[in-house]
Amino acid sequence: MPGPDGRHIFGTVKVGEKGQIVIPRDARRVFGIGPGDTLLVLGDERQGGIAIVKADFLRKFAEDIFAARDESEEQ
């Protein structure tokens, strides 16, 4: 269910016997997650939450930060 500002509720998932979950199809479609993709799992004990981020997204984010830093050092 799409919400405001690109936020979604994809439903609930159950943790299996081996501690695995299935990412809902709509979530995989929206975020372009496919077989073989690497995901980063983040957690915040105080907030009681877990976030799953595509590693490629985080890598691009880091590259952009370093590029901006390099540009500012050149000036």
Protein backbone atom coordinates (compact mmCIF):
# COMPACT_ATOMS: atom_id res chain seq x y z
CA MET A 1 0.00 0.00 0.00
CA PRO A 2 1.79 3.16 -1.16
CA GLY A 3 1.84 6.01 1.30
CA PRO A 4 2.93 9.62 1.18
CA ASP A 5 6.43 10.59 0.07
CA GLY A 6 7.33 7.16 -1.30
CA ARG A 7 6.62 5.34 1.97
CA HIS A 8 4.97 1.92 1.82
CA ILE A 9 3.40 -0.75 3.97
CA PHE A 10 4.11 -4.09 2.34
CA GLY A 11 2.38 -6.25 4.95
CA THR A 12 3.76 -8.70 7.44
CA VAL A 13 6.20 -11.59 7.12
CA LYS A 14 6.87 -14.55 9.38
CA VAL A 15 10.29 -15.70 10.49
CA GLY A 16 10.86 -19.31 9.48
CA GLU A 17 12.55 -22.10 11.40
CA LYS A 18 15.97 -21.05 10.08
CA GLY A 19 15.44 -17.35 10.90
CA GLN A 20 14.65 -16.47 7.29
CA ILE A 21 11.98 -14.11 5.95
CA VAL A 22 10.53 -13.65 2.48
CA ILE A 23 10.59 -10.08 1.18
CA PRO A 24 7.13 -9.37 -0.27
CA ARG A 25 6.90 -9.33 -4.07
CA ASP A 26 5.70 -5.72 -4.19
CA ALA A 27 8.68 -4.61 -2.06
CA ARG A 28 11.09 -6.47 -4.34
CA ARG A 29 9.48 -4.86 -7.39
CA VAL A 30 9.47 -1.31 -5.99
CA PHE A 31 13.12 -1.52 -4.88
CA GLY A 32 14.41 -3.61 -7.78
CA ILE A 33 15.55 -6.48 -5.58
CA GLY A 34 16.31 -9.67 -7.47
CA PRO A 35 18.10 -13.00 -7.08
CA GLY A 36 21.78 -12.54 -6.29
CA ASP A 37 21.43 -8.98 -4.97
CA THR A 38 23.35 -8.15 -1.82
CA LEU A 39 21.38 -6.51 0.97
CA LEU A 40 22.68 -4.71 4.04
CA VAL A 41 20.73 -5.31 7.26
CA LEU A 42 20.84 -2.44 9.76
CA GLY A 43 19.39 -2.41 13.27
CA ASP A 44 18.58 0.06 16.01
CA GLU A 45 18.01 -1.53 19.42
CA ARG A 46 16.55 1.67 20.91
CA GLN A 47 14.00 2.00 18.11
CA GLY A 48 13.41 -1.77 18.05
CA GLY A 49 13.72 -1.88 14.28
CA ILE A 50 15.57 -3.43 11.40
CA ALA A 51 16.14 -1.83 7.99
CA ILE A 52 17.13 -3.63 4.81
CA VAL A 53 19.02 -1.61 2.19
CA LYS A 54 20.38 -2.66 -1.19
CA ALA A 55 24.17 -2.63 -0.90
CA ASP A 56 24.39 -0.99 -4.35
CA PHE A 57 22.36 1.99 -3.06
CA LEU A 58 24.67 2.44 -0.09
CA ARG A 59 27.76 2.08 -2.29
CA LYS A 60 26.46 4.78 -4.68
CA PHE A 61 25.66 7.03 -1.72
CA ALA A 62 29.22 6.65 -0.39
CA GLU A 63 30.71 7.30 -3.85
CA ASP A 64 28.67 10.52 -4.13
CA ILE A 65 29.94 11.69 -0.74
CA PHE A 66 33.57 11.07 -1.71
CA ALA A 67 33.08 12.76 -5.09
CA ALA A 68 31.58 15.84 -3.41
CA ARG A 69 34.48 15.91 -0.95
CA ASP A 70 37.01 15.68 -3.77
CA GLU A 71 35.29 18.51 -5.66
CA SER A 72 35.30 20.77 -2.61
CA GLU A 73 39.02 20.08 -2.00
CA GLU A 74 39.81 21.06 -5.60
CA GLN A 75 38.28 24.52 -5.18
